[in-house]
């Protein structure tokens, strides 16, 4: 199924290359957005599990464990220099 995008340009090969560039950029944006949503979902789920685990403990036990067991954070990949 072809999506028609009306571009005001005369040579067909320029319009075609612009359309392919647009398709590639949109595909990259959609994949990035899906990755962002998945990452946030995992972060929220981990935080909810952590809070539910703490709620099962008594107040005194909960505050004693806080310094011993800090919440685990997701590790970011290291950037190359």
PDB file of N, CA and C in Angstrom:
ATOM      1  N   UNK A   1       0.846  -1.176   0.000  1.00  0.00           N
ATOM      2  CA  UNK A   1       0.000   0.000   0.000  1.00  0.00           C
ATOM      3  C   UNK A   1       0.895   1.243   0.000  1.00  0.00           C
ATOM      4  N   UNK A   2       0.761   2.041  -1.010  1.00  0.00           N
ATOM      5  CA  UNK A   2       1.563   3.255  -1.122  1.00  0.00           C
ATOM      6  C   UNK A   2       0.878   4.416  -0.413  1.00  0.00           C
ATOM      7  N   UNK A   3       1.666   5.134   0.354  1.00  0.00           N
ATOM      8  CA  UNK A   3       1.175   6.341   1.006  1.00  0.00           C
ATOM      9  C   UNK A   3       1.577   7.507   0.126  1.00  0.00           C
ATOM     10  N   UNK A   4       0.620   8.278  -0.277  1.00  0.00           N
ATOM     11  CA  UNK A   4       0.922   9.386  -1.170  1.00  0.00           C
ATOM     12  C   UNK A   4       1.224  10.648  -0.377  1.00  0.00           C
ATOM     13  N   UNK A   5       2.396  11.177  -0.611  1.00  0.00           N
ATOM     14  CA  UNK A   5       2.803  12.442  -0.017  1.00  0.00           C
ATOM     15  C   UNK A   5       3.055  13.387  -1.185  1.00  0.00           C
ATOM     16  N   UNK A   6       2.320  14.460  -1.223  1.00  0.00           N
ATOM     17  CA  UNK A   6       2.440  15.389  -2.341  1.00  0.00           C
ATOM     18  C   UNK A   6       3.546  16.385  -2.063  1.00  0.00           C
ATOM     19  N   UNK A   7       4.609  16.266  -2.827  1.00  0.00           N
ATOM     20  CA  UNK A   7       5.748  17.150  -2.663  1.00  0.00           C
ATOM     21  C   UNK A   7       5.880  18.017  -3.911  1.00  0.00           C
ATOM     22  N   UNK A   8       6.083  19.299  -3.749  1.00  0.00           N
ATOM     23  CA  UNK A   8       6.216  20.179  -4.917  1.00  0.00           C
ATOM     24  C   UNK A   8       7.637  20.174  -5.481  1.00  0.00           C
ATOM     25  N   UNK A   9       8.001  19.069  -6.118  1.00  0.00           N
ATOM     26  CA  UNK A   9       9.321  19.019  -6.727  1.00  0.00           C
ATOM     27  C   UNK A   9       9.204  18.355  -8.101  1.00  0.00           C
ATOM     28  N   UNK A  10      10.044  18.794  -9.003  1.00  0.00           N
ATOM     29  CA  UNK A  10       9.908  18.354 -10.387  1.00  0.00           C
ATOM     30  C   UNK A  10      10.584  17.014 -10.676  1.00  0.00           C
ATOM     31  N   UNK A  11      11.866  16.835 -10.435  1.00  0.00           N
ATOM     32  CA  UNK A  11      12.445  15.532 -10.777  1.00  0.00           C
ATOM     33  C   UNK A  11      11.925  14.459  -9.821  1.00  0.00           C
ATOM     34  N   UNK A  12      11.501  13.353 -10.396  1.00  0.00           N
ATOM     35  CA  UNK A  12      10.895  12.285  -9.604  1.00  0.00           C
ATOM     36  C   UNK A  12      11.896  11.674  -8.635  1.00  0.00           C
ATOM     37  N   UNK A  13      13.155  11.567  -9.003  1.00  0.00           N
ATOM     38  CA  UNK A  13      14.136  10.913  -8.146  1.00  0.00           C
ATOM     39  C   UNK A  13      14.386  11.708  -6.868  1.00  0.00           C
ATOM     40  N   UNK A  14      14.210  13.047  -6.918  1.00  0.00           N
ATOM     41  CA  UNK A  14      14.364  13.850  -5.689  1.00  0.00           C
ATOM     42  C   UNK A  14      13.205  13.573  -4.744  1.00  0.00           C
ATOM     43  N   UNK A  15      12.006  13.548  -5.286  1.00  0.00           N
ATOM     44  CA  UNK A  15      10.831  13.283  -4.451  1.00  0.00           C
ATOM     45  C   UNK A  15      10.904  11.885  -3.841  1.00  0.00           C
ATOM     46  N   UNK A  16      11.358  10.942  -4.644  1.00  0.00           N
ATOM     47  CA  UNK A  16      11.447   9.560  -4.169  1.00  0.00           C
ATOM     48  C   UNK A  16      12.475   9.452  -3.039  1.00  0.00           C
ATOM     49  N   UNK A  17      13.624  10.089  -3.186  1.00  0.00           N
ATOM     50  CA  UNK A  17      14.636  10.024  -2.134  1.00  0.00           C
ATOM     51  C   UNK A  17      14.158  10.737  -0.863  1.00  0.00           C
ATOM     52  N   UNK A  18      13.416  11.827  -1.010  1.00  0.00           N
ATOM     53  CA  UNK A  18      12.861  12.506   0.167  1.00  0.00           C
ATOM     54  C   UNK A  18      11.842  11.631   0.881  1.00  0.00           C
ATOM     55  N   UNK A  19      11.027  10.923   0.111  1.00  0.00           N
ATOM     56  CA  UNK A  19      10.039  10.033   0.732  1.00  0.00           C
ATOM     57  C   UNK A  19      10.733   8.908   1.486  1.00  0.00           C
ATOM     58  N   UNK A  20      11.777   8.313   0.903  1.00  0.00           N
ATOM     59  CA  UNK A  20      12.496   7.245   1.594  1.00  0.00           C
ATOM     60  C   UNK A  20      13.186   7.771   2.855  1.00  0.00           C
ATOM     61  N   UNK A  21      13.721   8.959   2.788  1.00  0.00           N
ATOM     62  CA  UNK A  21      14.337   9.568   3.973  1.00  0.00           C
ATOM     63  C   UNK A  21      13.297   9.788   5.071  1.00  0.00           C
ATOM     64  N   UNK A  22      12.140  10.264   4.681  1.00  0.00           N
ATOM     65  CA  UNK A  22      11.054  10.471   5.638  1.00  0.00           C
ATOM     66  C   UNK A  22      10.628   9.146   6.262  1.00  0.00           C
ATOM     67  N   UNK A  23      10.522   8.100   5.470  1.00  0.00           N
ATOM     68  CA  UNK A  23      10.144   6.783   5.994  1.00  0.00           C
ATOM     69  C   UNK A  23      11.168   6.265   6.989  1.00  0.00           C
ATOM     70  N   UNK A  24      12.441   6.449   6.692  1.00  0.00           N
ATOM     71  CA  UNK A  24      13.497   5.976   7.589  1.00  0.00           C
ATOM     72  C   UNK A  24      13.468   6.754   8.904  1.00  0.00           C
ATOM     73  N   UNK A  25      13.309   8.053   8.837  1.00  0.00           N
ATOM     74  CA  UNK A  25      13.268   8.874  10.051  1.00  0.00           C
ATOM     75  C   UNK A  25      12.044   8.519  10.900  1.00  0.00           C
ATOM     76  N   UNK A  26      10.918   8.325  10.265  1.00  0.00           N
ATOM     77  CA  UNK A  26       9.712   7.959  11.015  1.00  0.00           C
ATOM     78  C   UNK A  26       9.849   6.575  11.651  1.00  0.00           C
ATOM     79  N   UNK A  27      10.460   5.642  10.958  1.00  0.00           N
ATOM     80  CA  UNK A  27      10.676   4.307  11.512  1.00  0.00           C
ATOM     81  C   UNK A  27      11.594   4.367  12.725  1.00  0.00           C
ATOM     82  N   UNK A  28      12.668   5.135  12.624  1.00  0.00           N
ATOM     83  CA  UNK A  28      13.583   5.289  13.758  1.00  0.00           C
ATOM     84  C   UNK A  28      12.861   5.939  14.939  1.00  0.00           C
ATOM     85  N   UNK A  29      12.026   6.935  14.683  1.00  0.00           N
ATOM     86  CA  UNK A  29      11.294   7.612  15.759  1.00  0.00           C
ATOM     87  C   UNK A  29      10.313   6.658  16.444  1.00  0.00           C
ATOM     88  N   UNK A  30       9.633   5.825  15.672  1.00  0.00           N
ATOM     89  CA  UNK A  30       8.679   4.882  16.261  1.00  0.00           C
ATOM     90  C   UNK A  30       9.408   3.838  17.104  1.00  0.00           C
ATOM     91  N   UNK A  31      10.526   3.312  16.609  1.00  0.00           N
ATOM     92  CA  UNK A  31      11.299   2.324  17.363  1.00  0.00           C
ATOM     93  C   UNK A  31      11.844   2.951  18.647  1.00  0.00           C
ATOM     94  N   UNK A  32      12.329   4.179  18.587  1.00  0.00           N
ATOM     95  CA  UNK A  32      12.820   4.872  19.777  1.00  0.00           C
ATOM     96  C   UNK A  32      11.704   5.076  20.798  1.00  0.00           C
ATOM     97  N   UNK A  33      10.516   5.459  20.317  1.00  0.00           N
ATOM     98  CA  UNK A  33       9.387   5.677  21.220  1.00  0.00           C
ATOM     99  C   UNK A  33       8.956   4.377  21.892  1.00  0.00           C
ATOM    100  N   UNK A  34       8.939   3.286  21.149  1.00  0.00           N
ATOM    101  CA  UNK A  34       8.581   1.995  21.741  1.00  0.00           C
ATOM    102  C   UNK A  34       9.606   1.606  22.804  1.00  0.00           C
ATOM    103  N   UNK A  35      10.878   1.808  22.518  1.00  0.00           N
ATOM    104  CA  UNK A  35      11.917   1.515  23.511  1.00  0.00           C
ATOM    105  C   UNK A  35      11.777   2.361  24.765  1.00  0.00           C
ATOM    106  N   UNK A  36      11.436   3.617  24.585  1.00  0.00           N
ATOM    107  CA  UNK A  36      11.238   4.514  25.726  1.00  0.00           C
ATOM    108  C   UNK A  36      10.063   4.059  26.594  1.00  0.00           C
ATOM    109  N   UNK A  37       8.965   3.668  25.963  1.00  0.00           N
ATOM    110  CA  UNK A  37       7.791   3.202  26.698  1.00  0.00           C
ATOM    111  C   UNK A  37       8.115   1.922  27.467  1.00  0.00           C
ATOM    112  N   UNK A  38       8.827   0.993  26.836  1.00  0.00           N
ATOM    113  CA  UNK A  38       9.193  -0.253  27.516  1.00  0.00           C
ATOM    114  C   UNK A  38      10.101   0.021  28.697  1.00  0.00           C
ATOM    115  N   UNK A  39      11.085   0.898  28.519  1.00  0.00           N
ATOM    116  CA  UNK A  39      12.000   1.231  29.610  1.00  0.00           C
ATOM    117  C   UNK A  39      11.253   1.851  30.806  1.00  0.00           C
ATOM    118  N   UNK A  40      10.326   2.765  30.525  1.00  0.00           N
ATOM    119  CA  UNK A  40       9.547   3.381  31.602  1.00  0.00           C
ATOM    120  C   UNK A  40       8.643   2.363  32.289  1.00  0.00           C
ATOM    121  N   UNK A  41       8.073   1.446  31.514  1.00  0.00           N
ATOM    122  CA  UNK A  41       7.215   0.406  32.096  1.00  0.00           C
ATOM    123  C   UNK A  41       8.009  -0.465  33.062  1.00  0.00           C
ATOM    124  N   UNK A  42       9.228  -0.850  32.668  1.00  0.00           N
ATOM    125  CA  UNK A  42      10.062  -1.677  33.536  1.00  0.00           C
ATOM    126  C   UNK A  42      10.435  -0.906  34.796  1.00  0.00           C
ATOM    127  N   UNK A  43      10.748   0.369  34.667  1.00  0.00           N
ATOM    128  CA  UNK A  43      11.111   1.183  35.825  1.00  0.00           C
ATOM    129  C   UNK A  43       9.936   1.312  36.801  1.00  0.00           C
ATOM    130  N   UNK A  44       8.749   1.537  36.272  1.00  0.00           N
ATOM    131  CA  UNK A  44       7.568   1.674  37.133  1.00  0.00           C
ATOM    132  C   UNK A  44       7.245   0.351  37.814  1.00  0.00           C
ATOM    133  N   UNK A  45       7.344  -0.748  37.066  1.00  0.00           N
ATOM    134  CA  UNK A  45       7.051  -2.061  37.650  1.00  0.00           C
ATOM    135  C   UNK A  45       8.041  -2.392  38.757  1.00  0.00           C
ATOM    136  N   UNK A  46       9.330  -2.090  38.554  1.00  0.00           N
ATOM    137  CA  UNK A  46      10.338  -2.357  39.571  1.00  0.00           C
ATOM    138  C   UNK A  46      10.075  -1.525  40.821  1.00  0.00           C
ATOM    139  N   UNK A  47       9.722  -0.278  40.628  1.00  0.00           N
ATOM    140  CA  UNK A  47       9.438   0.590  41.781  1.00  0.00           C
ATOM    141  C   UNK A  47       8.217   0.089  42.549  1.00  0.00           C
ATOM    142  N   UNK A  48       7.188  -0.378  41.831  1.00  0.00           N
ATOM    143  CA  UNK A  48       5.983  -0.884  42.490  1.00  0.00           C
ATOM    144  C   UNK A  48       6.308  -2.137  43.305  1.00  0.00           C
ATOM    145  N   UNK A  49       7.128  -3.031  42.757  1.00  0.00           N
ATOM    146  CA  UNK A  49       7.517  -4.234  43.508  1.00  0.00           C
ATOM    147  C   UNK A  49       8.297  -3.863  44.761  1.00  0.00           C
ATOM    148  N   UNK A  50       9.178  -2.886  44.658  1.00  0.00           N
ATOM    149  CA  UNK A  50       9.979  -2.440  45.793  1.00  0.00           C
ATOM    150  C   UNK A  50       9.086  -1.865  46.892  1.00  0.00           C
ATOM    151  N   UNK A  51       8.129  -1.043  46.514  1.00  0.00           N
ATOM    152  CA  UNK A  51       7.234  -0.426  47.492  1.00  0.00           C
ATOM    153  C   UNK A  51       6.337  -1.477  48.135  1.00  0.00           C
ATOM    154  N   UNK A  52       5.840  -2.424  47.352  1.00  0.00           N
ATOM    155  CA  UNK A  52       4.986  -3.471  47.917  1.00  0.00           C
ATOM    156  C   UNK A  52       5.755  -4.350  48.890  1.00  0.00           C
ATOM    157  N   UNK A  53       7.024  -4.611  48.591  1.00  0.00           N
ATOM    158  CA  UNK A  53       7.837  -5.407  49.503  1.00  0.00           C
ATOM    159  C   UNK A  53       8.039  -4.664  50.822  1.00  0.00           C
ATOM    160  N   UNK A  54       8.245  -3.356  50.747  1.00  0.00           N
ATOM    161  CA  UNK A  54       8.419  -2.579  51.979  1.00  0.00           C
ATOM    162  C   UNK A  54       7.138  -2.489  52.786  1.00  0.00           C
ATOM    163  N   UNK A  55       6.003  -2.444  52.131  1.00  0.00           N
ATOM    164  CA  UNK A  55       4.730  -2.327  52.853  1.00  0.00           C
ATOM    165  C   UNK A  55       4.412  -3.566  53.679  1.00  0.00           C
ATOM    166  N   UNK A  56       4.984  -4.706  53.294  1.00  0.00           N
ATOM    167  CA  UNK A  56       4.736  -5.939  54.045  1.00  0.00           C
ATOM    168  C   UNK A  56       5.486  -5.946  55.373  1.00  0.00           C
ATOM    169  N   UNK A  57       6.493  -5.112  55.506  1.00  0.00           N
ATOM    170  CA  UNK A  57       7.299  -5.075  56.730  1.00  0.00           C
ATOM    171  C   UNK A  57       6.707  -4.085  57.734  1.00  0.00           C
ATOM    172  N   UNK A  58       7.011  -4.331  58.973  1.00  0.00           N
ATOM    173  CA  UNK A  58       6.616  -3.409  60.020  1.00  0.00           C
ATOM    174  C   UNK A  58       7.443  -2.123  59.887  1.00  0.00           C
ATOM    175  N   UNK A  59       6.917  -1.029  60.444  1.00  0.00           N
ATOM    176  CA  UNK A  59       7.557   0.277  60.319  1.00  0.00           C
ATOM    177  C   UNK A  59       9.005   0.252  60.779  1.00  0.00           C
ATOM    178  N   UNK A  60       9.272  -0.357  61.953  1.00  0.00           N
ATOM    179  CA  UNK A  60      10.637  -0.373  62.492  1.00  0.00           C
ATOM    180  C   UNK A  60      11.567  -1.206  61.610  1.00  0.00           C
ATOM    181  N   UNK A  61      11.088  -2.342  61.144  1.00  0.00           N
ATOM    182  CA  UNK A  61      11.913  -3.183  60.270  1.00  0.00           C
ATOM    183  C   UNK A  61      12.189  -2.478  58.938  1.00  0.00           C
ATOM    184  N   UNK A  62      11.186  -1.773  58.439  1.00  0.00           N
ATOM    185  CA  UNK A  62      11.321  -1.084  57.160  1.00  0.00           C
ATOM    186  C   UNK A  62      12.421  -0.028  57.220  1.00  0.00           C
ATOM    187  N   UNK A  63      12.483   0.733  58.309  1.00  0.00           N
ATOM    188  CA  UNK A  63      13.480   1.787  58.414  1.00  0.00           C
ATOM    189  C   UNK A  63      14.863   1.253  58.753  1.00  0.00           C
ATOM    190  N   UNK A  64      14.939   0.087  59.365  1.00  0.00           N
ATOM    191  CA  UNK A  64      16.252  -0.521  59.589  1.00  0.00           C
ATOM    192  C   UNK A  64      16.825  -1.041  58.274  1.00  0.00           C
ATOM    193  N   UNK A  65      15.985  -1.546  57.387  1.00  0.00           N
ATOM    194  CA  UNK A  65      16.453  -2.119  56.125  1.00  0.00           C
ATOM    195  C   UNK A  65      16.806  -1.057  55.094  1.00  0.00           C
ATOM    196  N   UNK A  66      16.298   0.133  55.263  1.00  0.00           N
ATOM    197  CA  UNK A  66      16.489   1.152  54.234  1.00  0.00           C
ATOM    198  C   UNK A  66      17.960   1.412  53.930  1.00  0.00           C
ATOM    199  N   UNK A  67      18.779   1.535  54.967  1.00  0.00           N
ATOM    200  CA  UNK A  67      20.183   1.825  54.730  1.00  0.00           C
ATOM    201  C   UNK A  67      20.940   0.584  54.248  1.00  0.00           C
ATOM    202  N   UNK A  68      20.464  -0.616  54.644  1.00  0.00           N
ATOM    203  CA  UNK A  68      21.166  -1.839  54.261  1.00  0.00           C
ATOM    204  C   UNK A  68      20.867  -2.250  52.822  1.00  0.00           C
ATOM    205  N   UNK A  69      19.640  -2.077  52.394  1.00  0.00           N
ATOM    206  CA  UNK A  69      19.233  -2.529  51.066  1.00  0.00           C
ATOM    207  C   UNK A  69      18.678  -1.365  50.254  1.00  0.00           C
ATOM    208  N   UNK A  70      19.542  -0.600  49.653  1.00  0.00           N
ATOM    209  CA  UNK A  70      19.020   0.501  48.829  1.00  0.00           C
ATOM    210  C   UNK A  70      18.340  -0.054  47.577  1.00  0.00           C
ATOM    211  N   UNK A  71      17.436   0.722  47.033  1.00  0.00           N
ATOM    212  CA  UNK A  71      16.713   0.285  45.841  1.00  0.00           C
ATOM    213  C   UNK A  71      17.671   0.154  44.664  1.00  0.00           C
ATOM    214  N   UNK A  72      17.555  -0.941  43.938  1.00  0.00           N
ATOM    215  CA  UNK A  72      18.426  -1.157  42.789  1.00  0.00           C
ATOM    216  C   UNK A  72      17.928  -0.324  41.620  1.00  0.00           C
ATOM    217  N   UNK A  73      18.820   0.376  41.006  1.00  0.00           N
ATOM    218  CA  UNK A  73      18.479   1.187  39.831  1.00  0.00           C
ATOM    219  C   UNK A  73      18.948   0.469  38.578  1.00  0.00           C
ATOM    220  N   UNK A  74      18.274   0.753  37.473  1.00  0.00           N
ATOM    221  CA  UNK A  74      18.701   0.178  36.209  1.00  0.00           C
ATOM    222  C   UNK A  74      20.024   0.813  35.798  1.00  0.00           C
ATOM    223  N   UNK A  75      20.936  -0.006  35.327  1.00  0.00           N
ATOM    224  CA  UNK A  75      22.235   0.512  34.915  1.00  0.00           C
ATOM    225  C   UNK A  75      22.134   1.050  33.497  1.00  0.00           C
ATOM    226  N   UNK A  76      22.712   2.216  33.298  1.00  0.00           N
ATOM    227  CA  UNK A  76      22.759   2.796  31.965  1.00  0.00           C
ATOM    228  C   UNK A  76      23.992   2.256  31.250  1.00  0.00           C
ATOM    229  N   UNK A  77      23.883   2.028  29.974  1.00  0.00           N
ATOM    230  CA  UNK A  77      25.082   1.575  29.264  1.00  0.00           C
ATOM    231  C   UNK A  77      26.151   2.657  29.268  1.00  0.00           C
ATOM    232  N   UNK A  78      27.405   2.234  29.406  1.00  0.00           N
ATOM    233  CA  UNK A  78      28.501   3.198  29.453  1.00  0.00           C
ATOM    234  C   UNK A  78      28.759   3.761  28.068  1.00  0.00           C
ATOM    235  N   UNK A  79      29.003   5.060  28.019  1.00  0.00           N
ATOM    236  CA  UNK A  79      29.293   5.721  26.748  1.00  0.00           C
ATOM    237  C   UNK A  79      30.754   5.541  26.397  1.00  0.00           C
ATOM    238  N   UNK A  80      31.002   5.368  25.130  1.00  0.00           N
ATOM    239  CA  UNK A  80      32.390   5.276  24.680  1.00  0.00           C
ATOM    240  C   UNK A  80      32.960   6.677  24.551  1.00  0.00           C
ATOM    241  N   UNK A  81      34.205   6.828  24.918  1.00  0.00           N
ATOM    242  CA  UNK A  81      34.835   8.152  24.844  1.00  0.00           C
ATOM    243  C   UNK A  81      35.561   8.311  23.539  1.00  0.00           C
TER     244      UNK A  81
END
